């Protein structure tokens, strides 16, 4: 039997990168996966790819920063099937220290990375309670736990994701709702490639290697590696795990020189 057979999973920000890798892995393990993303055409293409591989996947246009939209999308899904898993992966990045972070930048980061997680959990938890339990997995970051240069607003949001995870895990123990988070270091996603192309034109290979080597293990992680950990934490094999943060960081937090 597949590890997520007969489970329904919602994955936000799942049209590409880590979210897509999680959606694809969950579908391969038997889950009915719902891809919630700001870009409906890309989400539909991703869902079609999953279906072509034999998985069950449906795309939904959803801006996680808008509460009513999130509530409506998740309610529509819940009207059709029991929801078992929520993965809050949608998020955006920003490079800059305190003085280089405008109020607009700060608010935009908050709306997506903090309020987006809040909205998604708020819309899903009542269904979990009604159905006897569920699993939430949030995507935090190594910056939830350590400081790195020029990530002021991003660090603020991911610190909030970590503490929201702990709070929800505590508050819903009696409802059989587990809540954990993953804290990745640098993962090779389209965001990384776009960042290098924009900021280091002509030096992409050089800078990629430099960024890769900031992980003590000597390379960036892959979306598929994040998906493997996500699969375990959202499966029944992790039934005794809640309120935990899992660094997936190539040794960055503990082994940096």
Protein backbone atom coordinates (compact mmCIF):
# COMPACT_ATOMS: atom_id res chain seq x y z
CA UNK A 1 0.00 0.00 0.00
CA UNK A 2 1.27 3.46 -0.87
CA UNK A 3 2.13 5.74 2.06
CA UNK A 4 -0.61 8.32 1.33
CA UNK A 5 -3.23 6.01 -0.15
CA UNK A 6 -6.76 7.42 0.25
CA UNK A 7 -5.42 10.76 1.58
CA UNK A 8 -6.27 14.21 0.26
CA UNK A 9 -3.48 16.78 0.39
CA UNK A 10 -3.48 20.53 -0.24
CA UNK A 11 -0.16 22.09 -1.26
CA UNK A 12 0.12 25.87 -1.62
CA UNK A 13 2.64 27.41 -3.99
CA UNK A 14 2.85 24.14 -5.87
CA UNK A 15 3.20 25.17 -9.52
CA UNK A 16 7.01 24.93 -9.37
CA UNK A 17 10.01 24.34 -7.14
CA UNK A 18 9.64 22.73 -3.74
CA UNK A 19 5.84 22.83 -3.81
CA UNK A 20 5.68 21.00 -7.12
CA UNK A 21 8.17 18.38 -5.92
CA UNK A 22 6.00 17.78 -2.84
CA UNK A 23 2.81 17.56 -4.89
CA UNK A 24 4.41 15.13 -7.33
CA UNK A 25 5.83 12.93 -4.55
CA UNK A 26 2.53 12.88 -2.63
CA UNK A 27 0.64 11.90 -5.78
CA UNK A 28 3.14 9.12 -6.47
CA UNK A 29 2.38 7.83 -2.98
CA UNK A 30 -1.34 7.65 -3.64
CA UNK A 31 -2.65 11.02 -2.46
CA UNK A 32 -5.29 13.07 -4.23
CA UNK A 33 -3.31 16.31 -4.49
CA UNK A 34 -4.75 19.80 -4.84
CA UNK A 35 -2.30 22.38 -6.16
CA UNK A 36 -3.13 25.89 -4.90
CA UNK A 37 -1.14 28.58 -6.66
CA UNK A 38 -1.24 32.23 -7.67
CA UNK A 39 -0.48 31.23 -11.27
CA UNK A 40 -3.40 29.10 -12.47
CA UNK A 41 -1.98 28.24 -15.88
CA UNK A 42 1.29 26.98 -14.41
CA UNK A 43 -0.60 25.10 -11.70
CA UNK A 44 -2.81 23.41 -14.30
CA UNK A 45 0.23 22.43 -16.36
CA UNK A 46 1.83 20.96 -13.23
CA UNK A 47 -1.35 19.07 -12.36
CA UNK A 48 -1.58 17.75 -15.93
CA UNK A 49 2.00 16.49 -15.69
CA UNK A 50 1.18 14.69 -12.45
CA UNK A 51 -1.88 13.11 -14.02
CA UNK A 52 0.19 12.00 -17.00
CA UNK A 53 2.42 10.17 -14.54
CA UNK A 54 -0.59 8.30 -13.15
CA UNK A 55 -1.27 10.55 -10.16
CA UNK A 56 -4.41 12.37 -9.04
CA UNK A 57 -4.04 16.14 -9.15
CA UNK A 58 -6.29 19.18 -9.44
CA UNK A 59 -5.19 22.81 -9.83
CA UNK A 60 -6.81 25.78 -8.12
CA UNK A 61 -6.12 29.49 -8.60
CA UNK A 62 -5.46 30.84 -5.11
CA UNK A 63 -3.72 33.90 -3.71
CA UNK A 64 -2.88 32.87 -0.14
CA UNK A 65 -2.65 36.50 0.96
CA UNK A 66 -6.43 36.93 0.43
CA UNK A 67 -8.30 35.20 3.23
CA UNK A 68 -11.73 34.99 1.62
CA UNK A 69 -10.29 33.44 -1.52
CA UNK A 70 -8.39 30.84 0.50
CA UNK A 71 -11.46 30.00 2.57
CA UNK A 72 -13.61 29.58 -0.54
CA UNK A 73 -11.12 27.38 -2.38
CA UNK A 74 -10.58 25.09 0.60
CA UNK A 75 -14.29 24.96 1.41
CA UNK A 76 -15.03 23.89 -2.17
CA UNK A 77 -12.50 21.08 -1.87
CA UNK A 78 -13.86 20.03 1.53
CA UNK A 79 -17.38 19.86 0.06
CA UNK A 80 -16.16 17.09 -2.24
CA UNK A 81 -13.77 15.09 -0.07
CA UNK A 82 -12.21 14.83 3.37
CA UNK A 83 -8.97 16.81 3.66
CA UNK A 84 -6.15 15.05 5.51
CA UNK A 85 -3.00 17.11 4.83
CA UNK A 86 -2.13 20.79 4.39
CA UNK A 87 1.31 21.86 3.22
CA UNK A 88 1.87 25.62 3.51
CA UNK A 89 4.66 26.14 1.01
CA UNK A 90 3.69 29.36 -0.81
CA UNK A 91 6.21 32.10 -0.16
CA UNK A 92 8.35 34.82 -1.68
CA UNK A 93 11.90 36.01 -1.07
CA UNK A 94 13.51 39.38 -0.58
CA UNK A 95 17.17 40.37 -0.31
CA UNK A 96 18.04 43.37 1.85
CA UNK A 97 18.97 44.50 5.34
CA UNK A 98 16.80 46.70 7.59
CA UNK A 99 17.69 49.97 5.84
CA UNK A 100 17.16 48.51 2.38
CA UNK A 101 13.70 47.16 3.23
CA UNK A 102 10.93 49.60 2.37
CA UNK A 103 7.59 49.55 4.15
CA UNK A 104 6.05 48.25 0.93
CA UNK A 105 8.58 45.41 0.77
CA UNK A 106 7.98 44.57 4.43
CA UNK A 107 4.20 44.52 4.03
CA UNK A 108 4.37 42.41 0.87
CA UNK A 109 6.55 39.81 2.60
CA UNK A 110 4.20 39.74 5.58
CA UNK A 111 1.09 39.33 3.43
CA UNK A 112 2.39 36.29 1.58
CA UNK A 113 4.79 34.53 3.95
CA UNK A 114 3.03 35.12 7.26
CA UNK A 115 -0.60 35.90 6.51
CA UNK A 116 -0.61 33.30 3.75
CA UNK A 117 0.27 30.55 6.22
CA UNK A 118 -2.24 31.92 8.74
CA UNK A 119 -4.99 32.06 6.11
CA UNK A 120 -4.31 28.53 4.90
CA UNK A 121 -4.29 27.02 8.39
CA UNK A 122 -7.32 29.04 9.46
CA UNK A 123 -9.32 27.78 6.49
CA UNK A 124 -8.30 24.14 6.99
CA UNK A 125 -8.26 23.52 10.74
CA UNK A 126 -12.06 23.59 11.15
CA UNK A 127 -12.32 20.77 8.60
CA UNK A 128 -9.62 18.80 10.41
CA UNK A 129 -11.50 19.21 13.69
CA UNK A 130 -14.77 18.11 12.10
CA UNK A 131 -13.14 15.03 10.57
CA UNK A 132 -11.15 13.89 13.60
CA UNK A 133 -7.69 15.20 12.81
CA UNK A 134 -5.17 16.12 10.16
CA UNK A 135 -1.59 17.09 9.43
CA UNK A 136 -0.11 20.54 8.78
CA UNK A 137 3.39 21.01 7.42
CA UNK A 138 4.76 24.54 7.13
CA UNK A 139 7.81 25.65 5.18
CA UNK A 140 10.08 27.67 7.46
CA UNK A 141 13.80 28.26 6.81
CA UNK A 142 17.20 28.15 8.42
CA UNK A 143 16.74 31.90 8.95
CA UNK A 144 14.04 31.01 11.48
CA UNK A 145 16.90 29.94 13.74
CA UNK A 146 20.10 31.73 12.66
CA UNK A 147 21.03 35.09 11.20
CA UNK A 148 22.35 35.45 7.66
CA UNK A 149 23.23 38.70 5.86
CA UNK A 150 20.67 40.77 3.95
CA UNK A 151 17.55 38.78 4.80
CA UNK A 152 15.83 41.08 7.29
CA UNK A 153 12.22 40.87 6.08
CA UNK A 154 12.50 37.27 4.94
CA UNK A 155 13.88 36.26 8.33
CA UNK A 156 11.02 38.06 10.04
CA UNK A 157 8.48 36.04 8.10
CA UNK A 158 10.13 32.68 8.55
CA UNK A 159 10.61 33.25 12.27
CA UNK A 160 6.86 33.78 12.40
CA UNK A 161 6.24 30.54 10.50
CA UNK A 162 8.27 28.61 13.06
CA UNK A 163 6.46 30.07 16.05
CA UNK A 164 3.03 29.72 14.41
CA UNK A 165 3.86 26.06 13.91
CA UNK A 166 4.65 25.58 17.58
CA UNK A 167 1.51 27.44 18.66
CA UNK A 168 -0.83 25.46 16.41
CA UNK A 169 0.79 22.18 17.44
CA UNK A 170 0.14 23.02 21.10
CA UNK A 171 -3.40 24.35 20.69
CA UNK A 172 -4.74 21.41 18.68
CA UNK A 173 -3.23 18.39 20.42
CA UNK A 174 -6.65 17.31 21.66
CA UNK A 175 -8.05 17.57 18.12
CA UNK A 176 -5.53 15.08 16.73
CA UNK A 177 -3.97 17.75 14.52
CA UNK A 178 -0.22 17.49 14.08
CA UNK A 179 1.78 20.54 12.98
CA UNK A 180 5.48 20.57 12.06
CA UNK A 181 7.77 22.61 9.84
CA UNK A 182 10.80 22.09 7.63
CA UNK A 183 13.65 24.62 7.60
CA UNK A 184 15.58 24.29 4.35
CA UNK A 185 18.91 25.92 3.62
CA UNK A 186 19.60 26.80 -0.03
CA UNK A 187 17.58 24.59 -2.35
CA UNK A 188 18.20 24.67 -6.10
CA UNK A 189 14.88 25.99 -7.42
CA UNK A 190 13.92 28.32 -10.29
CA UNK A 191 14.07 31.17 -7.75
CA UNK A 192 17.83 30.64 -7.35
CA UNK A 193 18.40 30.60 -11.10
CA UNK A 194 16.33 33.76 -11.53
CA UNK A 195 18.16 35.53 -8.71
CA UNK A 196 21.57 34.74 -10.24
CA UNK A 197 20.51 35.77 -13.74
CA UNK A 198 19.18 39.09 -12.45
CA UNK A 199 22.01 40.00 -10.10
CA UNK A 200 25.05 38.30 -11.63
CA UNK A 201 24.61 38.21 -15.43
CA UNK A 202 27.50 36.36 -17.02
CA UNK A 203 28.68 35.06 -13.64
CA UNK A 204 25.88 32.64 -12.93
CA UNK A 205 28.03 29.49 -12.77
CA UNK A 206 30.64 31.12 -10.56
CA UNK A 207 28.09 32.49 -8.11
CA UNK A 208 26.08 29.28 -8.09
CA UNK A 209 29.15 27.40 -6.91
CA UNK A 210 29.85 30.05 -4.28
CA UNK A 211 26.32 29.83 -2.91
CA UNK A 212 26.39 26.03 -3.03
CA UNK A 213 29.53 25.90 -0.93
CA UNK A 214 27.98 27.93 1.90
CA UNK A 215 26.38 24.63 2.97
CA UNK A 216 29.01 22.59 4.84
CA UNK A 217 27.99 19.52 2.85
CA UNK A 218 29.22 21.36 -0.25
CA UNK A 219 26.10 21.67 -2.38
CA UNK A 220 22.56 22.97 -2.46
CA UNK A 221 19.67 20.70 -1.62
CA UNK A 222 17.12 19.57 -4.18
CA UNK A 223 13.34 20.02 -4.12
CA UNK A 224 13.03 16.25 -4.20
CA UNK A 225 14.98 15.97 -0.94
CA UNK A 226 12.57 18.38 0.72
CA UNK A 227 9.67 16.37 -0.69
CA UNK A 228 11.04 13.16 0.83
CA UNK A 229 11.09 14.69 4.30
CA UNK A 230 7.65 16.22 3.73
CA UNK A 231 6.29 12.81 2.78
CA UNK A 232 7.53 11.25 6.00
CA UNK A 233 6.20 14.06 8.22
CA UNK A 234 2.77 13.96 6.57
CA UNK A 235 2.48 10.18 6.63
CA UNK A 236 1.20 7.95 9.42
CA UNK A 237 4.81 6.91 10.04
CA UNK A 238 5.26 10.28 11.79
CA UNK A 239 2.13 9.95 13.93
CA UNK A 240 4.13 10.60 17.13
CA UNK A 241 5.73 13.81 15.82
CA UNK A 242 4.26 17.27 16.35
CA UNK A 243 5.59 20.72 17.24
CA UNK A 244 8.97 20.04 15.61
CA UNK A 245 11.19 21.99 13.23
CA UNK A 246 13.36 19.93 10.88
CA UNK A 247 16.44 21.69 9.47
CA UNK A 248 17.21 20.36 5.99
CA UNK A 249 20.39 22.32 5.62
CA UNK A 250 23.47 20.31 4.71
CA UNK A 251 24.87 21.08 8.16
CA UNK A 252 24.43 24.86 7.90
CA UNK A 253 23.02 25.51 11.39
CA UNK A 254 25.26 23.21 13.43
CA UNK A 255 28.38 22.66 11.34
CA UNK A 256 29.32 26.08 9.98
CA UNK A 257 32.97 26.98 10.69
